[in-house]
Amino acid sequence: MASQERVVVPAHTPKPLPGHLRSELTSALLSASAIPVIQSTLHDESEKVGWTKSIRERAKQLINNGQATTSQEIVEILIKESCERPGNQLCLPGGLRRTRQGQVDGSEAAKAANGAIVVNFPEQAIVEGKKAIRDALDPVIEVESIASKG
């Protein structure tokens, strides 16, 4: 796909994305070098609030106290712990949870209950990640207008 070509996305795209559309979008983002920018944004924002340090500390605890011996076990435990925090109704992919008010629980105060190391992905990283994704998608997609379907 030439770098100036844009992926046409229907205004009402089904979820999950059809395989061909997901593949086209991925190719467009790769050719625009957007994926490393998105990764960097998420990494930098999570570092700013100490999330990666918290994850490393909790992983060390799990290994030292014998609760986990493999990286897969660590990941499974971290996701489970994230989903089990009090006051949350739903656990989303990646361990993010929504409160009953629909807000993504990312506040450090909510996470630090009972002195536990908190593993939820930080709200600010989510906000900045969304911006980076939007910025990356704008030059590579064109949303098909409903009127053009005719």
N, C-alpha and C. Protein backbone atom coordinates (compact mmCIF):
# COMPACT_ATOMS: atom_id res chain seq x y z
N MET A 1 0.85 -1.17 0.00
CA MET A 1 0.00 0.00 0.00
C MET A 1 0.89 1.23 0.00
N ALA A 2 0.66 2.15 -0.90
CA ALA A 2 1.44 3.39 -0.98
C ALA A 2 1.14 4.23 0.25
N SER A 3 2.13 5.01 0.67
CA SER A 3 1.97 5.75 1.92
C SER A 3 0.87 6.81 1.84
N GLN A 4 0.55 7.33 0.61
CA GLN A 4 -0.49 8.33 0.51
C GLN A 4 -1.90 7.73 0.45
N GLU A 5 -2.01 6.42 0.23
CA GLU A 5 -3.33 5.79 0.21
C GLU A 5 -3.89 5.77 1.62
N ARG A 6 -5.20 5.95 1.69
CA ARG A 6 -5.86 5.91 2.99
C ARG A 6 -6.82 4.73 3.02
N VAL A 7 -6.94 4.12 4.17
CA VAL A 7 -7.85 3.00 4.36
C VAL A 7 -9.25 3.58 4.55
N VAL A 8 -10.20 3.11 3.75
CA VAL A 8 -11.58 3.57 3.88
C VAL A 8 -12.28 2.66 4.90
N VAL A 9 -12.81 3.30 5.94
CA VAL A 9 -13.47 2.58 7.02
C VAL A 9 -14.93 2.97 7.02
N PRO A 10 -15.85 2.00 7.03
CA PRO A 10 -17.27 2.32 7.08
C PRO A 10 -17.62 3.13 8.33
N ALA A 11 -18.60 4.01 8.20
CA ALA A 11 -19.03 4.84 9.33
C ALA A 11 -19.50 3.97 10.50
N HIS A 12 -20.14 2.87 10.19
CA HIS A 12 -20.63 1.95 11.23
C HIS A 12 -19.85 0.65 11.09
N THR A 13 -18.68 0.61 11.70
CA THR A 13 -17.79 -0.54 11.59
C THR A 13 -18.19 -1.58 12.64
N PRO A 14 -18.34 -2.83 12.21
CA PRO A 14 -18.70 -3.88 13.18
C PRO A 14 -17.55 -4.15 14.16
N LYS A 15 -17.92 -4.62 15.35
CA LYS A 15 -16.93 -4.99 16.35
C LYS A 15 -17.03 -6.49 16.56
N PRO A 16 -15.96 -7.21 16.56
CA PRO A 16 -14.60 -6.76 16.26
C PRO A 16 -14.46 -6.42 14.78
N LEU A 17 -13.39 -5.70 14.48
CA LEU A 17 -13.13 -5.34 13.09
C LEU A 17 -12.96 -6.59 12.24
N PRO A 18 -13.50 -6.57 11.02
CA PRO A 18 -13.25 -7.70 10.12
C PRO A 18 -11.75 -7.85 9.88
N GLY A 19 -11.30 -9.07 9.69
CA GLY A 19 -9.87 -9.36 9.54
C GLY A 19 -9.19 -8.54 8.46
N HIS A 20 -9.84 -8.38 7.30
CA HIS A 20 -9.21 -7.63 6.21
C HIS A 20 -9.01 -6.17 6.58
N LEU A 21 -9.97 -5.59 7.30
CA LEU A 21 -9.87 -4.19 7.69
C LEU A 21 -8.80 -4.01 8.77
N ARG A 22 -8.76 -4.92 9.73
CA ARG A 22 -7.73 -4.88 10.77
C ARG A 22 -6.34 -4.98 10.13
N SER A 23 -6.20 -5.86 9.14
CA SER A 23 -4.93 -6.03 8.45
C SER A 23 -4.53 -4.76 7.69
N GLU A 24 -5.48 -4.15 7.00
CA GLU A 24 -5.20 -2.91 6.26
C GLU A 24 -4.78 -1.79 7.20
N LEU A 25 -5.50 -1.65 8.33
CA LEU A 25 -5.16 -0.61 9.29
C LEU A 25 -3.78 -0.84 9.90
N THR A 26 -3.49 -2.08 10.24
CA THR A 26 -2.18 -2.40 10.81
C THR A 26 -1.08 -2.06 9.81
N SER A 27 -1.27 -2.45 8.55
CA SER A 27 -0.28 -2.15 7.51
C SER A 27 -0.09 -0.65 7.35
N ALA A 28 -1.20 0.09 7.36
CA ALA A 28 -1.12 1.54 7.20
C ALA A 28 -0.37 2.17 8.38
N LEU A 29 -0.65 1.71 9.58
CA LEU A 29 0.03 2.25 10.76
C LEU A 29 1.51 1.88 10.76
N LEU A 30 1.82 0.68 10.33
CA LEU A 30 3.23 0.28 10.24
C LEU A 30 3.98 1.10 9.21
N SER A 31 3.37 1.30 8.05
CA SER A 31 4.05 2.06 7.00
C SER A 31 4.21 3.52 7.38
N ALA A 32 3.35 4.03 8.24
CA ALA A 32 3.45 5.41 8.71
C ALA A 32 4.33 5.52 9.96
N SER A 33 4.91 4.41 10.39
CA SER A 33 5.74 4.35 11.61
C SER A 33 4.99 4.85 12.84
N ALA A 34 3.69 4.62 12.87
CA ALA A 34 2.87 5.12 13.97
C ALA A 34 2.89 4.21 15.20
N ILE A 35 3.06 2.93 15.01
CA ILE A 35 3.00 2.01 16.15
C ILE A 35 4.09 2.29 17.17
N PRO A 36 5.34 2.54 16.77
CA PRO A 36 6.35 2.88 17.78
C PRO A 36 6.01 4.18 18.55
N VAL A 37 5.36 5.12 17.89
CA VAL A 37 4.96 6.36 18.56
C VAL A 37 3.91 6.06 19.62
N ILE A 38 2.94 5.22 19.29
CA ILE A 38 1.89 4.84 20.25
C ILE A 38 2.53 4.09 21.42
N GLN A 39 3.40 3.14 21.13
CA GLN A 39 4.07 2.38 22.19
C GLN A 39 4.87 3.32 23.09
N SER A 40 5.59 4.24 22.49
CA SER A 40 6.40 5.17 23.27
C SER A 40 5.54 6.04 24.17
N THR A 41 4.41 6.50 23.64
CA THR A 41 3.49 7.33 24.44
C THR A 41 2.99 6.56 25.65
N LEU A 42 2.53 5.34 25.43
CA LEU A 42 2.03 4.53 26.54
C LEU A 42 3.13 4.25 27.56
N HIS A 43 4.31 3.94 27.08
CA HIS A 43 5.44 3.66 27.98
C HIS A 43 5.80 4.91 28.80
N ASP A 44 5.96 6.04 28.12
CA ASP A 44 6.36 7.27 28.81
C ASP A 44 5.35 7.70 29.86
N GLU A 45 4.06 7.62 29.52
CA GLU A 45 3.02 8.03 30.47
C GLU A 45 2.94 7.08 31.66
N SER A 46 3.11 5.79 31.42
CA SER A 46 3.05 4.85 32.53
C SER A 46 4.29 4.98 33.43
N GLU A 47 5.43 5.33 32.83
CA GLU A 47 6.64 5.59 33.61
C GLU A 47 6.47 6.81 34.50
N LYS A 48 5.85 7.87 33.96
CA LYS A 48 5.68 9.13 34.70
C LYS A 48 4.99 8.93 36.03
N VAL A 49 4.00 8.04 36.06
CA VAL A 49 3.24 7.84 37.29
C VAL A 49 3.73 6.64 38.10
N GLY A 50 4.83 6.04 37.66
CA GLY A 50 5.42 4.96 38.44
C GLY A 50 4.79 3.59 38.25
N TRP A 51 3.96 3.44 37.22
CA TRP A 51 3.27 2.16 37.00
C TRP A 51 4.26 1.03 36.71
N THR A 52 5.22 1.26 35.84
CA THR A 52 6.15 0.19 35.49
C THR A 52 6.98 -0.22 36.71
N LYS A 53 7.32 0.74 37.55
CA LYS A 53 8.04 0.41 38.78
C LYS A 53 7.17 -0.44 39.70
N SER A 54 5.90 -0.08 39.82
CA SER A 54 4.97 -0.85 40.65
C SER A 54 4.83 -2.28 40.13
N ILE A 55 4.76 -2.43 38.82
CA ILE A 55 4.63 -3.76 38.23
C ILE A 55 5.88 -4.59 38.54
N ARG A 56 7.05 -3.98 38.38
CA ARG A 56 8.30 -4.70 38.69
C ARG A 56 8.35 -5.11 40.16
N GLU A 57 7.95 -4.18 41.05
CA GLU A 57 7.96 -4.49 42.49
C GLU A 57 7.01 -5.63 42.82
N ARG A 58 5.82 -5.58 42.25
CA ARG A 58 4.84 -6.64 42.53
C ARG A 58 5.31 -7.98 41.95
N ALA A 59 5.91 -7.96 40.76
CA ALA A 59 6.43 -9.19 40.16
C ALA A 59 7.51 -9.80 41.06
N LYS A 60 8.39 -8.96 41.60
CA LYS A 60 9.43 -9.45 42.51
C LYS A 60 8.81 -10.08 43.75
N GLN A 61 7.75 -9.45 44.29
CA GLN A 61 7.06 -10.01 45.46
C GLN A 61 6.50 -11.39 45.14
N LEU A 62 5.87 -11.50 43.98
CA LEU A 62 5.25 -12.77 43.60
C LEU A 62 6.29 -13.88 43.48
N ILE A 63 7.45 -13.55 42.94
CA ILE A 63 8.52 -14.54 42.80
C ILE A 63 9.12 -14.87 44.16
N ASN A 64 9.42 -13.83 44.95
CA ASN A 64 10.06 -14.04 46.25
C ASN A 64 9.20 -14.82 47.23
N ASN A 65 7.88 -14.63 47.17
CA ASN A 65 7.04 -15.37 48.11
C ASN A 65 6.51 -16.68 47.53
N GLY A 66 7.00 -17.05 46.34
CA GLY A 66 6.66 -18.35 45.76
C GLY A 66 5.30 -18.44 45.08
N GLN A 67 4.61 -17.31 44.92
CA GLN A 67 3.30 -17.35 44.28
C GLN A 67 3.41 -17.56 42.77
N ALA A 68 4.54 -17.19 42.19
CA ALA A 68 4.72 -17.33 40.75
C ALA A 68 6.16 -17.71 40.46
N THR A 69 6.31 -18.54 39.41
CA THR A 69 7.66 -18.93 39.01
C THR A 69 7.92 -18.62 37.54
N THR A 70 6.87 -18.29 36.78
CA THR A 70 7.05 -17.98 35.36
C THR A 70 6.44 -16.61 35.06
N SER A 71 6.86 -16.03 33.94
CA SER A 71 6.30 -14.73 33.55
C SER A 71 4.80 -14.85 33.28
N GLN A 72 4.37 -15.96 32.71
CA GLN A 72 2.94 -16.17 32.45
C GLN A 72 2.14 -16.17 33.76
N GLU A 73 2.66 -16.83 34.79
CA GLU A 73 1.98 -16.83 36.08
C GLU A 73 1.91 -15.42 36.66
N ILE A 74 2.99 -14.66 36.52
CA ILE A 74 3.00 -13.28 37.01
C ILE A 74 1.92 -12.46 36.31
N VAL A 75 1.87 -12.55 35.00
CA VAL A 75 0.87 -11.79 34.22
C VAL A 75 -0.53 -12.17 34.66
N GLU A 76 -0.80 -13.46 34.78
CA GLU A 76 -2.14 -13.92 35.18
C GLU A 76 -2.52 -13.37 36.55
N ILE A 77 -1.60 -13.40 37.50
CA ILE A 77 -1.87 -12.90 38.85
C ILE A 77 -2.10 -11.39 38.83
N LEU A 78 -1.26 -10.65 38.09
CA LEU A 78 -1.41 -9.20 38.03
C LEU A 78 -2.76 -8.80 37.44
N ILE A 79 -3.17 -9.47 36.39
CA ILE A 79 -4.48 -9.16 35.80
C ILE A 79 -5.60 -9.50 36.77
N LYS A 80 -5.50 -10.65 37.41
CA LYS A 80 -6.52 -11.05 38.39
C LYS A 80 -6.61 -10.03 39.52
N GLU A 81 -5.45 -9.62 40.06
CA GLU A 81 -5.44 -8.64 41.15
C GLU A 81 -6.04 -7.31 40.71
N SER A 82 -5.74 -6.91 39.52
CA SER A 82 -6.26 -5.65 39.01
C SER A 82 -7.78 -5.71 38.91
N CYS A 83 -8.30 -6.83 38.49
CA CYS A 83 -9.74 -6.99 38.32
C CYS A 83 -10.48 -7.12 39.64
N GLU A 84 -9.77 -7.50 40.70
CA GLU A 84 -10.42 -7.76 41.98
C GLU A 84 -10.45 -6.56 42.91
N ARG A 85 -9.96 -5.41 42.48
CA ARG A 85 -9.96 -4.25 43.37
C ARG A 85 -11.39 -3.88 43.75
N PRO A 86 -11.62 -3.50 45.03
CA PRO A 86 -12.96 -3.14 45.48
C PRO A 86 -13.51 -1.92 44.73
N GLY A 87 -14.84 -1.89 44.60
CA GLY A 87 -15.50 -0.74 44.01
C GLY A 87 -15.61 -0.80 42.50
N ASN A 88 -15.20 -1.89 41.93
CA ASN A 88 -15.25 -2.00 40.48
C ASN A 88 -16.24 -3.07 40.07
N GLN A 89 -16.89 -2.82 38.97
CA GLN A 89 -17.94 -3.72 38.52
C GLN A 89 -17.47 -4.61 37.37
N LEU A 90 -16.72 -4.05 36.45
CA LEU A 90 -16.32 -4.80 35.27
C LEU A 90 -14.81 -4.81 35.12
N CYS A 91 -14.27 -5.90 34.64
CA CYS A 91 -12.86 -5.96 34.31
C CYS A 91 -12.75 -5.99 32.80
N LEU A 92 -12.02 -5.06 32.24
CA LEU A 92 -11.85 -4.97 30.80
C LEU A 92 -10.57 -5.67 30.39
N PRO A 93 -10.38 -5.94 29.09
CA PRO A 93 -9.14 -6.56 28.64
C PRO A 93 -7.93 -5.78 29.13
N GLY A 94 -6.93 -6.51 29.58
CA GLY A 94 -5.72 -5.87 30.07
C GLY A 94 -5.78 -5.50 31.54
N GLY A 95 -6.87 -5.85 32.22
CA GLY A 95 -6.96 -5.58 33.64
C GLY A 95 -7.53 -4.23 33.99
N LEU A 96 -8.00 -3.46 33.02
CA LEU A 96 -8.63 -2.18 33.32
C LEU A 96 -10.03 -2.45 33.84
N ARG A 97 -10.47 -1.65 34.75
CA ARG A 97 -11.80 -1.86 35.30
C ARG A 97 -12.61 -0.58 35.21
N ARG A 98 -13.90 -0.72 35.05
CA ARG A 98 -14.78 0.44 35.09
C ARG A 98 -15.55 0.43 36.40
N THR A 99 -15.68 1.61 36.99
CA THR A 99 -16.46 1.72 38.21
C THR A 99 -17.93 1.74 37.84
N ARG A 100 -18.76 1.72 38.83
CA ARG A 100 -20.20 1.75 38.56
C ARG A 100 -20.63 3.03 37.84
N GLN A 101 -19.84 4.08 38.00
CA GLN A 101 -20.14 5.33 37.33
C GLN A 101 -19.60 5.33 35.90
N GLY A 102 -18.95 4.25 35.47
CA GLY A 102 -18.45 4.14 34.11
C GLY A 102 -17.06 4.71 33.91
N GLN A 103 -16.45 5.23 34.98
CA GLN A 103 -15.11 5.80 34.88
C GLN A 103 -14.08 4.67 34.94
N VAL A 104 -13.02 4.80 34.16
CA VAL A 104 -11.93 3.84 34.29
C VAL A 104 -11.17 4.19 35.55
N ASP A 105 -11.00 3.19 36.42
CA ASP A 105 -10.33 3.41 37.69
C ASP A 105 -8.83 3.45 37.46
N GLY A 106 -8.26 4.65 37.51
CA GLY A 106 -6.84 4.77 37.29
C GLY A 106 -6.18 5.66 38.34
N SER A 107 -6.95 6.15 39.29
CA SER A 107 -6.39 7.08 40.26
C SER A 107 -5.47 6.36 41.24
N GLU A 108 -4.37 6.99 41.56
CA GLU A 108 -3.42 6.39 42.49
C GLU A 108 -4.04 6.21 43.87
N ALA A 109 -4.92 7.14 44.26
CA ALA A 109 -5.55 7.03 45.58
C ALA A 109 -6.41 5.77 45.67
N ALA A 110 -7.19 5.52 44.62
CA ALA A 110 -8.06 4.34 44.63
C ALA A 110 -7.22 3.07 44.62
N LYS A 111 -6.09 3.11 43.97
CA LYS A 111 -5.28 1.91 43.83
C LYS A 111 -4.49 1.58 45.09
N ALA A 112 -4.20 2.58 45.89
CA ALA A 112 -3.31 2.36 47.02
C ALA A 112 -4.03 1.87 48.27
N ALA A 113 -5.27 1.44 48.14
CA ALA A 113 -6.04 0.95 49.28
C ALA A 113 -5.29 -0.21 49.94
N ASN A 114 -5.28 -0.22 51.26
CA ASN A 114 -4.66 -1.27 52.06
C ASN A 114 -3.16 -1.41 51.83
N GLY A 115 -2.50 -0.39 51.29
CA GLY A 115 -1.06 -0.44 51.11
C GLY A 115 -0.57 -1.40 50.05
N ALA A 116 -1.47 -1.94 49.26
CA ALA A 116 -1.09 -2.91 48.23
C ALA A 116 -0.42 -2.20 47.06
N ILE A 117 0.44 -2.92 46.38
CA ILE A 117 1.02 -2.40 45.15
C ILE A 117 -0.07 -2.51 44.09
N VAL A 118 -0.36 -1.40 43.44
CA VAL A 118 -1.46 -1.34 42.50
C VAL A 118 -0.96 -1.62 41.09
N VAL A 119 -1.74 -2.42 40.36
CA VAL A 119 -1.29 -2.84 39.04
C VAL A 119 -2.17 -2.32 37.90
N ASN A 120 -3.19 -1.55 38.21
CA ASN A 120 -4.04 -1.02 37.14
C ASN A 120 -3.25 -0.07 36.26
N PHE A 121 -3.56 -0.09 34.96
CA PHE A 121 -2.89 0.81 34.03
C PHE A 121 -3.36 2.22 34.31
N PRO A 122 -2.46 3.20 34.37
CA PRO A 122 -2.81 4.56 34.78
C PRO A 122 -3.73 5.29 33.80
N GLU A 123 -4.68 6.00 34.35
CA GLU A 123 -5.66 6.76 33.55
C GLU A 123 -4.99 7.73 32.59
N GLN A 124 -3.95 8.43 33.04
CA GLN A 124 -3.29 9.41 32.18
C GLN A 124 -2.66 8.73 30.97
N ALA A 125 -2.11 7.54 31.16
CA ALA A 125 -1.54 6.81 30.03
C ALA A 125 -2.63 6.42 29.04
N ILE A 126 -3.80 6.09 29.54
CA ILE A 126 -4.92 5.75 28.66
C ILE A 126 -5.34 6.97 27.85
N VAL A 127 -5.48 8.12 28.52
CA VAL A 127 -5.88 9.35 27.85
C VAL A 127 -4.86 9.72 26.77
N GLU A 128 -3.58 9.71 27.12
CA GLU A 128 -2.54 10.08 26.16
C GLU A 128 -2.42 9.04 25.05
N GLY A 129 -2.62 7.78 25.40
CA GLY A 129 -2.60 6.72 24.39
C GLY A 129 -3.70 6.89 23.36
N LYS A 130 -4.89 7.26 23.83
CA LYS A 130 -6.01 7.52 22.90
C LYS A 130 -5.66 8.66 21.95
N LYS A 131 -5.05 9.72 22.49
CA LYS A 131 -4.66 10.85 21.64
C LYS A 131 -3.64 10.41 20.60
N ALA A 132 -2.66 9.61 21.02
CA ALA A 132 -1.63 9.14 20.09
C ALA A 132 -2.24 8.26 19.01
N ILE A 133 -3.20 7.43 19.38
CA ILE A 133 -3.87 6.56 18.40
C ILE A 133 -4.67 7.41 17.41
N ARG A 134 -5.41 8.38 17.93
CA ARG A 134 -6.17 9.27 17.04
C ARG A 134 -5.24 10.00 16.08
N ASP A 135 -4.15 10.53 16.61
CA ASP A 135 -3.18 11.25 15.77
C ASP A 135 -2.58 10.33 14.71
N ALA A 136 -2.37 9.07 15.08
CA ALA A 136 -1.79 8.11 14.14
C ALA A 136 -2.80 7.69 13.08
N LEU A 137 -4.06 7.58 13.46
CA LEU A 137 -5.09 7.13 12.52
C LEU A 137 -5.54 8.23 11.56
N ASP A 138 -5.55 9.48 12.01
CA ASP A 138 -6.04 10.57 11.15
C ASP A 138 -5.43 10.59 9.76
N PRO A 139 -4.11 10.46 9.61
CA PRO A 139 -3.55 10.52 8.26
C PRO A 139 -3.73 9.24 7.43
N VAL A 140 -4.11 8.14 8.06
CA VAL A 140 -4.16 6.88 7.31
C VAL A 140 -5.55 6.33 7.06
N ILE A 141 -6.58 6.91 7.71
CA ILE A 141 -7.93 6.40 7.45
C ILE A 141 -8.85 7.50 6.93
N GLU A 142 -9.85 7.05 6.26
CA GLU A 142 -10.92 7.93 5.80
C GLU A 142 -12.22 7.24 6.18
N VAL A 143 -13.03 7.91 6.98
CA VAL A 143 -14.29 7.32 7.39
C VAL A 143 -15.31 7.58 6.29
N GLU A 144 -15.86 6.50 5.80
CA GLU A 144 -16.84 6.57 4.74
C GLU A 144 -18.12 7.22 5.27
N SER A 145 -18.58 8.25 4.57
CA SER A 145 -19.78 8.92 5.05
C SER A 145 -21.01 8.09 4.67
N ILE A 146 -22.02 8.21 5.48
CA ILE A 146 -23.26 7.46 5.23
C ILE A 146 -23.90 7.95 3.93
N ALA A 147 -23.81 9.25 3.64
CA ALA A 147 -24.40 9.83 2.43
C ALA A 147 -23.78 9.26 1.15
N SER A 148 -22.49 8.92 1.20
CA SER A 148 -21.81 8.41 0.01
C SER A 148 -22.24 7.01 -0.37
N LYS A 149 -22.91 6.32 0.56
CA LYS A 149 -23.37 4.96 0.28
C LYS A 149 -24.60 4.97 -0.62
N GLY A 150 -25.20 6.13 -0.74
CA GLY A 150 -26.19 6.41 -1.61
C GLY A 150 -27.44 6.01 -1.92
